[in-house]
N, C-alpha and C. Protein backbone atom coordinates (compact mmCIF):
# COMPACT_ATOMS: atom_id res chain seq x y z
N MET A 1 147.34 7.09 65.81
CA MET A 1 145.76 6.41 66.04
C MET A 1 146.76 4.77 64.82
N GLU A 2 145.18 3.77 64.86
CA GLU A 2 145.43 3.44 64.20
C GLU A 2 144.38 3.25 63.20
N PRO A 3 145.20 2.51 61.75
CA PRO A 3 143.13 2.63 61.44
C PRO A 3 142.43 1.69 62.05
N ALA A 4 143.00 0.37 62.42
CA ALA A 4 141.53 -0.26 63.09
C ALA A 4 140.42 0.78 64.32
N ASP A 5 141.58 1.51 65.29
CA ASP A 5 141.47 2.21 65.89
C ASP A 5 139.91 3.32 65.94
N SER A 6 140.46 3.64 64.92
CA SER A 6 139.80 5.18 64.21
C SER A 6 138.13 4.26 63.52
N LEU A 7 138.81 3.29 62.67
CA LEU A 7 137.16 2.28 62.32
C LEU A 7 136.09 1.83 63.41
N GLY A 8 137.31 1.17 64.28
CA GLY A 8 136.12 1.20 65.18
C GLY A 8 135.07 2.84 66.04
N MET A 9 136.01 3.36 66.73
CA MET A 9 135.39 4.57 66.91
C MET A 9 134.50 4.46 65.81
N LEU A 10 134.57 4.56 65.01
CA LEU A 10 133.55 5.78 63.79
C LEU A 10 132.72 4.79 63.50
N GLU A 11 132.37 2.66 63.84
CA GLU A 11 131.28 2.42 64.18
C GLU A 11 130.67 2.42 65.02
N GLU A 12 131.38 3.33 66.05
CA GLU A 12 130.19 3.76 67.72
C GLU A 12 129.71 4.31 67.84
N ARG A 13 130.60 5.62 67.17
CA ARG A 13 130.33 7.21 66.89
C ARG A 13 128.86 6.84 65.22
N ILE A 14 128.48 5.62 64.31
CA ILE A 14 127.27 5.94 63.21
C ILE A 14 126.38 4.51 64.49
N ARG A 15 126.31 3.23 65.06
CA ARG A 15 126.02 2.63 66.03
C ARG A 15 125.18 3.69 66.85
N SER A 16 126.28 4.79 67.76
CA SER A 16 125.81 5.71 69.26
C SER A 16 124.55 6.47 68.00
N ALA A 17 124.42 6.95 67.13
CA ALA A 17 124.09 8.24 65.91
C ALA A 17 122.41 7.48 65.42
N VAL A 18 122.59 6.26 65.03
CA VAL A 18 121.34 5.20 64.61
C VAL A 18 120.48 4.93 66.14
N GLU A 19 121.35 4.74 66.83
CA GLU A 19 120.34 4.54 68.40
C GLU A 19 119.63 6.02 68.39
N THR A 20 119.78 6.78 68.55
CA THR A 20 119.63 8.26 68.79
C THR A 20 118.90 8.82 68.24
N VAL A 21 118.70 8.56 66.95
CA VAL A 21 117.83 8.76 65.51
C VAL A 21 116.59 7.92 65.86
N ASN A 22 116.03 6.58 66.46
CA ASN A 22 115.53 5.26 66.50
C ASN A 22 114.67 5.90 67.74
N ARG A 23 115.08 6.27 68.65
CA ARG A 23 115.07 7.23 70.08
C ARG A 23 113.86 8.52 70.07
N LEU A 24 114.74 8.76 68.67
CA LEU A 24 114.00 10.54 68.70
C LEU A 24 112.88 9.77 67.61
N ARG A 25 113.11 9.09 66.80
CA ARG A 25 111.69 8.67 66.09
C ARG A 25 110.93 8.15 67.14
N ARG A 26 110.55 7.36 67.88
CA ARG A 26 109.78 6.37 69.21
C ARG A 26 109.52 8.19 69.41
N GLU A 27 109.89 9.08 69.74
CA GLU A 27 109.64 10.02 70.67
C GLU A 27 108.48 10.87 69.83
N LYS A 28 108.48 11.42 68.62
CA LYS A 28 108.20 11.73 67.60
C LYS A 28 107.12 11.36 67.83
N ASP A 29 107.78 9.18 67.17
CA ASP A 29 105.50 8.66 67.28
C ASP A 29 104.39 8.99 68.75
N ALA A 30 105.54 9.07 69.85
CA ALA A 30 105.14 9.13 70.85
C ALA A 30 103.78 10.50 71.03
N ALA A 31 104.62 11.85 70.55
CA ALA A 31 104.51 13.12 70.74
C ALA A 31 103.27 13.06 69.94
N LEU A 32 103.15 12.58 68.65
CA LEU A 32 101.85 12.68 67.39
C LEU A 32 100.65 11.94 68.35
N GLN A 33 100.93 10.59 69.02
CA GLN A 33 99.63 9.72 69.34
C GLN A 33 99.29 10.77 70.48
N ALA A 34 100.53 10.95 71.50
CA ALA A 34 99.85 12.36 72.52
C ALA A 34 98.23 13.05 71.76
N ALA A 35 98.80 14.16 71.40
CA ALA A 35 98.35 15.09 70.59
C ALA A 35 97.36 15.09 69.62
N SER A 36 97.26 13.91 69.11
CA SER A 36 95.96 13.02 68.94
C SER A 36 94.07 12.38 70.13
N GLU A 37 95.35 12.36 70.80
CA GLU A 37 95.05 12.34 71.92
C GLU A 37 94.01 13.46 72.56
N THR A 38 94.35 14.87 72.29
CA THR A 38 93.46 15.47 73.80
C THR A 38 93.07 15.49 72.88
N GLY A 39 92.43 16.09 71.52
CA GLY A 39 90.96 16.68 70.79
C GLY A 39 89.72 15.85 70.69
N PRO A 40 90.24 14.75 71.43
CA PRO A 40 88.53 14.33 71.96
C PRO A 40 88.75 14.21 72.70
N LEU A 41 89.97 14.89 74.49
CA LEU A 41 89.69 15.45 75.81
C LEU A 41 89.18 15.81 76.18
N LYS A 42 89.80 17.71 75.35
CA LYS A 42 89.54 18.88 74.79
C LYS A 42 88.06 19.02 74.95
N GLN A 43 87.53 18.21 74.09
CA GLN A 43 85.77 18.61 73.95
C GLN A 43 85.32 18.61 74.60
N HIS A 44 85.80 17.14 75.15
CA HIS A 44 85.69 15.46 76.36
C HIS A 44 85.37 18.03 77.77
N ILE A 45 86.55 18.07 78.05
CA ILE A 45 86.79 18.96 79.23
C ILE A 45 85.65 19.42 79.11
N GLU A 46 85.22 20.79 77.45
CA GLU A 46 84.07 21.75 77.12
C GLU A 46 82.93 21.30 77.41
N ALA A 47 82.76 20.25 76.91
CA ALA A 47 81.61 19.81 76.63
C ALA A 47 81.46 20.16 78.61
N LEU A 48 82.13 19.43 79.80
CA LEU A 48 81.53 19.16 81.03
C LEU A 48 81.62 20.44 81.46
N THR A 49 82.04 20.98 80.83
CA THR A 49 82.40 22.65 81.29
C THR A 49 80.95 23.32 81.16
N GLY A 50 80.79 23.34 80.05
CA GLY A 50 78.97 23.17 80.74
C GLY A 50 79.13 23.05 81.17
N GLU A 51 78.37 22.15 81.14
CA GLU A 51 77.78 20.91 82.29
C GLU A 51 77.37 21.72 83.18
N ILE A 52 78.97 22.11 83.67
CA ILE A 52 79.00 22.86 85.07
C ILE A 52 78.15 23.97 85.28
N ASP A 53 78.82 25.08 83.96
CA ASP A 53 77.38 26.27 83.81
C ASP A 53 76.37 25.91 84.33
N SER A 54 76.14 25.17 83.74
CA SER A 54 74.73 25.01 82.85
C SER A 54 73.53 24.61 85.17
N LEU A 55 74.72 23.87 85.41
CA LEU A 55 74.79 23.74 87.18
C LEU A 55 75.06 24.32 88.30
N ARG A 56 74.88 25.00 88.31
CA ARG A 56 75.64 26.08 88.47
C ARG A 56 74.14 26.54 88.29
N ALA A 57 74.12 27.73 87.38
CA ALA A 57 72.92 28.26 87.03
C ALA A 57 71.86 27.51 87.49
N GLU A 58 71.08 26.98 88.20
CA GLU A 58 70.33 25.85 88.05
C GLU A 58 70.18 25.28 90.07
N ARG A 59 71.58 25.18 90.55
CA ARG A 59 71.71 25.97 92.01
C ARG A 59 71.14 27.12 92.23
N ASP A 60 71.85 27.92 91.51
CA ASP A 60 71.64 29.21 92.02
C ASP A 60 70.06 29.30 91.94
N THR A 61 68.65 28.96 90.38
CA THR A 61 67.57 29.35 90.42
C THR A 61 67.17 28.87 91.51
N LEU A 62 67.34 27.54 92.60
CA LEU A 62 66.38 26.58 93.44
C LEU A 62 66.88 27.23 94.00
N LYS A 63 68.09 27.80 94.76
CA LYS A 63 68.46 28.62 95.85
C LYS A 63 67.29 30.08 96.21
N SER A 64 67.33 30.81 94.79
CA SER A 64 66.24 31.71 94.74
C SER A 64 64.66 31.29 94.76
N GLU A 65 64.66 30.17 94.36
CA GLU A 65 63.25 30.08 94.35
C GLU A 65 62.95 29.22 96.14
N ARG A 66 64.00 28.29 96.58
CA ARG A 66 64.02 28.18 98.01
C ARG A 66 64.25 29.24 98.86
N GLU A 67 64.36 30.54 99.31
CA GLU A 67 64.44 31.95 99.41
C GLU A 67 63.36 32.07 99.64
N TYR A 68 62.61 32.57 98.33
CA TYR A 68 61.66 33.01 98.28
C TYR A 68 60.52 31.99 99.03
N VAL A 69 60.02 30.24 99.11
CA VAL A 69 59.28 29.70 99.60
C VAL A 69 60.12 30.31 100.61
N ARG A 70 60.59 30.43 101.67
CA ARG A 70 60.74 30.60 102.68
C ARG A 70 60.62 31.78 103.24
N LYS A 71 60.86 32.56 102.88
CA LYS A 71 59.62 33.57 102.68
C LYS A 71 58.46 33.92 102.87
N ARG A 72 57.66 33.53 102.39
CA ARG A 72 55.94 32.44 102.71
C ARG A 72 55.48 31.79 103.39
N VAL A 73 56.27 31.16 103.87
CA VAL A 73 56.23 30.74 105.25
C VAL A 73 56.50 31.30 106.31
N GLU A 74 57.06 31.64 106.32
CA GLU A 74 57.14 32.59 106.92
C GLU A 74 55.93 33.79 107.46
N LYS A 75 55.95 34.16 106.47
CA LYS A 75 54.74 35.00 106.59
C LYS A 75 54.13 34.14 107.08
N LEU A 76 52.98 32.88 107.13
CA LEU A 76 52.16 32.37 107.03
C LEU A 76 52.31 31.72 108.23
N LEU A 77 53.04 31.86 108.98
CA LEU A 77 52.71 31.42 110.39
C LEU A 77 52.62 32.03 110.82
N ALA A 78 53.51 33.88 110.53
CA ALA A 78 53.05 34.99 111.24
C ALA A 78 52.10 34.96 111.21
N GLN A 79 50.88 34.82 110.35
CA GLN A 79 49.56 35.46 109.62
C GLN A 79 49.05 34.19 110.65
N ILE A 80 48.97 33.71 110.62
CA ILE A 80 49.08 32.50 111.90
C ILE A 80 48.80 32.35 113.54
N ASP A 81 50.09 32.98 113.63
CA ASP A 81 50.27 33.16 114.81
C ASP A 81 49.43 34.74 115.29
N THR A 82 49.56 35.11 114.47
CA THR A 82 47.98 36.39 114.98
C THR A 82 46.33 36.08 115.14
N LEU A 83 46.84 34.83 114.98
CA LEU A 83 45.74 34.10 114.87
C LEU A 83 45.09 33.72 116.10
N GLY A 84 46.69 32.86 116.33
CA GLY A 84 46.15 31.94 117.42
C GLY A 84 45.60 33.47 118.95
N ASP A 85 46.40 34.93 118.48
CA ASP A 85 46.72 35.65 119.87
C ASP A 85 45.59 36.12 120.01
N GLY A 86 44.94 36.73 118.70
CA GLY A 86 43.33 37.08 118.67
C GLY A 86 42.23 36.94 119.16
């Protein structure tokens, strides 16, 4: 192998190594940026989860109230029916 060929191969390997290091730095920067953005998103998800839990509890309360009102109305209608029959 001639010295010029060896030097050319060495230059190519160095160029390839520099490109790899630069790519890895960009990937690292992108990963750090993504990681810094996940904190606020996680907090937002937690807040929304709390709101969902609150809305579910409210829904359950409203269902119970609706059932109570339905039973009272049925009872009143039954009393009205007995008045009409009597």
